Amino acid sequence: MISIQDLKNEDLFNKIKTSIHSQRNKLLEGSVQIEIPRPGIDMMFNDVKEYFKNGLTKVFIKFDSLDSSIAAFEKLDGWCFQGRKVLLGFYDEKDFDNGIYI
């Protein structure tokens, strides 16, 4: 999970994005699209309800096939990013394609 503060800071966001994209040939083989929802510039840090809206603090990755997504899931099991354990799950492809990230 990425923090709201990380997402609001342009430099940190770009480092996170670069770090995730650098894993495309290794851990995320077969990924075709990576989405990292960001909060609005006016979002308050203490607005806890907003943390869970619009997929904030999550990274959504679309793969070219179910097999690629399962392989990435297995590779990432137990993996940590920025000292935090990565929590994995599958997401509805139609929602992803329609930009619905929750």
C-alpha atoms as a PDB file:
ATOM      1  CA  MET A   1       0.000   0.000   0.000  1.00  0.00           C
ATOM      2  CA  ILE A   2       1.214   3.471  -0.847  1.00  0.00           C
ATOM      3  CA  SER A   3       0.455   6.382   1.469  1.00  0.00           C
ATOM      4  CA  ILE A   4      -1.662   9.394   0.547  1.00  0.00           C
ATOM      5  CA  GLN A   5       1.340  11.613   1.299  1.00  0.00           C
ATOM      6  CA  ASP A   6       3.416   9.649  -1.235  1.00  0.00           C
ATOM      7  CA  LEU A   7       0.726  10.097  -3.877  1.00  0.00           C
ATOM      8  CA  LYS A   8       0.404  13.845  -3.321  1.00  0.00           C
ATOM      9  CA  ASN A   9       4.154  14.456  -3.584  1.00  0.00           C
ATOM     10  CA  GLU A  10       5.071  14.620  -7.292  1.00  0.00           C
ATOM     11  CA  ASP A  11       8.680  13.466  -6.809  1.00  0.00           C
ATOM     12  CA  LEU A  12       7.723  10.514  -4.597  1.00  0.00           C
ATOM     13  CA  PHE A  13       4.893   9.553  -6.939  1.00  0.00           C
ATOM     14  CA  ASN A  14       7.269   9.521  -9.916  1.00  0.00           C
ATOM     15  CA  LYS A  15       9.773   7.377  -7.979  1.00  0.00           C
ATOM     16  CA  ILE A  16       7.029   4.903  -7.068  1.00  0.00           C
ATOM     17  CA  LYS A  17       5.773   4.796 -10.651  1.00  0.00           C
ATOM     18  CA  THR A  18       9.302   4.262 -11.987  1.00  0.00           C
ATOM     19  CA  SER A  19       9.974   1.547  -9.420  1.00  0.00           C
ATOM     20  CA  ILE A  20       6.800  -0.345 -10.299  1.00  0.00           C
ATOM     21  CA  HIS A  21       7.352   0.003 -14.053  1.00  0.00           C
ATOM     22  CA  SER A  22      10.930  -1.278 -13.648  1.00  0.00           C
ATOM     23  CA  GLN A  23       9.483  -4.599 -12.451  1.00  0.00           C
ATOM     24  CA  ARG A  24       7.531  -5.198 -15.679  1.00  0.00           C
ATOM     25  CA  ASN A  25      10.092  -7.609 -17.134  1.00  0.00           C
ATOM     26  CA  LYS A  26      10.724  -9.403 -13.861  1.00  0.00           C
ATOM     27  CA  LEU A  27       7.817  -9.620 -11.423  1.00  0.00           C
ATOM     28  CA  LEU A  28       5.089  -8.170 -13.627  1.00  0.00           C
ATOM     29  CA  GLU A  29       5.750 -10.041 -16.857  1.00  0.00           C
ATOM     30  CA  GLY A  30       2.730  -9.776 -19.117  1.00  0.00           C
ATOM     31  CA  SER A  31       1.482  -6.526 -17.593  1.00  0.00           C
ATOM     32  CA  VAL A  32      -0.102  -4.232 -20.165  1.00  0.00           C
ATOM     33  CA  GLN A  33      -1.388  -1.346 -18.034  1.00  0.00           C
ATOM     34  CA  ILE A  34      -0.578  -0.012 -14.570  1.00  0.00           C
ATOM     35  CA  GLU A  35      -2.866   2.482 -12.822  1.00  0.00           C
ATOM     36  CA  ILE A  36      -2.054   4.322  -9.603  1.00  0.00           C
ATOM     37  CA  PRO A  37      -5.035   6.476  -8.560  1.00  0.00           C
ATOM     38  CA  ARG A  38      -4.058   9.806  -6.964  1.00  0.00           C
ATOM     39  CA  PRO A  39      -5.926  12.092  -4.573  1.00  0.00           C
ATOM     40  CA  GLY A  40      -7.015  15.561  -5.541  1.00  0.00           C
ATOM     41  CA  ILE A  41      -4.619  18.348  -4.640  1.00  0.00           C
ATOM     42  CA  ASP A  42      -7.101  19.646  -2.057  1.00  0.00           C
ATOM     43  CA  MET A  43      -7.525  16.345  -0.177  1.00  0.00           C
ATOM     44  CA  MET A  44      -6.835  16.647   3.541  1.00  0.00           C
ATOM     45  CA  PHE A  45      -4.434  14.083   5.041  1.00  0.00           C
ATOM     46  CA  ASN A  46      -6.796  13.400   7.945  1.00  0.00           C
ATOM     47  CA  ASP A  47      -9.782  12.552   5.747  1.00  0.00           C
ATOM     48  CA  VAL A  48      -9.739   8.812   6.551  1.00  0.00           C
ATOM     49  CA  LYS A  49     -12.879   8.042   4.514  1.00  0.00           C
ATOM     50  CA  GLU A  50     -11.110   9.215   1.359  1.00  0.00           C
ATOM     51  CA  TYR A  51      -8.352   6.619   1.819  1.00  0.00           C
ATOM     52  CA  PHE A  52     -10.693   3.912   0.608  1.00  0.00           C
ATOM     53  CA  LYS A  53     -12.467   5.810  -2.153  1.00  0.00           C
ATOM     54  CA  ASN A  54     -11.328   5.725  -5.750  1.00  0.00           C
ATOM     55  CA  GLY A  55      -8.672   3.084  -5.083  1.00  0.00           C
ATOM     56  CA  LEU A  56      -6.332   5.468  -3.288  1.00  0.00           C
ATOM     57  CA  THR A  57      -3.178   3.825  -1.884  1.00  0.00           C
ATOM     58  CA  LYS A  58      -3.594   0.873  -4.285  1.00  0.00           C
ATOM     59  CA  VAL A  59      -1.891  -0.077  -7.531  1.00  0.00           C
ATOM     60  CA  PHE A  60      -4.016  -1.720 -10.243  1.00  0.00           C
ATOM     61  CA  ILE A  61      -2.268  -3.829 -12.886  1.00  0.00           C
ATOM     62  CA  LYS A  62      -3.830  -5.336 -16.000  1.00  0.00           C
ATOM     63  CA  PHE A  63      -2.193  -8.385 -17.565  1.00  0.00           C
ATOM     64  CA  ASP A  64      -2.354  -9.796 -21.066  1.00  0.00           C
ATOM     65  CA  SER A  65      -3.778 -13.105 -19.812  1.00  0.00           C
ATOM     66  CA  LEU A  66      -5.099 -14.874 -16.746  1.00  0.00           C
ATOM     67  CA  ASP A  67      -1.958 -17.044 -16.731  1.00  0.00           C
ATOM     68  CA  SER A  68       0.277 -13.943 -16.596  1.00  0.00           C
ATOM     69  CA  SER A  69      -1.733 -12.502 -13.713  1.00  0.00           C
ATOM     70  CA  ILE A  70      -1.565 -15.786 -11.779  1.00  0.00           C
ATOM     71  CA  ALA A  71       2.210 -16.011 -12.358  1.00  0.00           C
ATOM     72  CA  ALA A  72       2.673 -12.445 -11.068  1.00  0.00           C
ATOM     73  CA  PHE A  73       0.410 -13.202  -8.103  1.00  0.00           C
ATOM     74  CA  GLU A  74       2.618 -16.171  -7.189  1.00  0.00           C
ATOM     75  CA  LYS A  75       5.857 -14.181  -7.628  1.00  0.00           C
ATOM     76  CA  LEU A  76       4.578 -11.278  -5.506  1.00  0.00           C
ATOM     77  CA  ASP A  77       3.216 -13.406  -2.654  1.00  0.00           C
ATOM     78  CA  GLY A  78       5.033 -12.225   0.476  1.00  0.00           C
ATOM     79  CA  TRP A  79       6.739  -9.360  -1.366  1.00  0.00           C
ATOM     80  CA  CYS A  80       7.334  -5.982   0.329  1.00  0.00           C
ATOM     81  CA  PHE A  81       7.367  -2.512  -1.226  1.00  0.00           C
ATOM     82  CA  GLN A  82       8.764   0.431   0.756  1.00  0.00           C
ATOM     83  CA  GLY A  83       8.879  -1.760   3.855  1.00  0.00           C
ATOM     84  CA  ARG A  84       5.209  -2.707   3.577  1.00  0.00           C
ATOM     85  CA  LYS A  85       3.839  -6.128   2.676  1.00  0.00           C
ATOM     86  CA  VAL A  86       2.072  -6.117  -0.678  1.00  0.00           C
ATOM     87  CA  LEU A  87      -1.529  -7.299  -0.443  1.00  0.00           C
ATOM     88  CA  LEU A  88      -2.712  -9.008  -3.600  1.00  0.00           C
ATOM     89  CA  GLY A  89      -6.107  -9.575  -5.131  1.00  0.00           C
ATOM     90  CA  PHE A  90      -7.859  -9.975  -8.440  1.00  0.00           C
ATOM     91  CA  TYR A  91     -10.033  -7.169  -9.779  1.00  0.00           C
ATOM     92  CA  ASP A  92     -12.936  -7.078 -12.198  1.00  0.00           C
ATOM     93  CA  GLU A  93     -11.594  -6.478 -15.702  1.00  0.00           C
ATOM     94  CA  LYS A  94     -14.629  -4.461 -16.799  1.00  0.00           C
ATOM     95  CA  ASP A  95     -14.245  -2.097 -13.836  1.00  0.00           C
ATOM     96  CA  PHE A  96     -10.543  -1.705 -14.635  1.00  0.00           C
ATOM     97  CA  ASP A  97     -11.277  -0.968 -18.295  1.00  0.00           C
ATOM     98  CA  ASN A  98     -13.900   1.617 -17.271  1.00  0.00           C
ATOM     99  CA  GLY A  99     -11.525   3.386 -14.859  1.00  0.00           C
ATOM    100  CA  ILE A 100     -13.437   2.289 -11.763  1.00  0.00           C
ATOM    101  CA  TYR A 101     -10.846   1.753  -9.041  1.00  0.00           C
ATOM    102  CA  ILE A 102     -12.144   0.976  -5.557  1.00  0.00           C
END
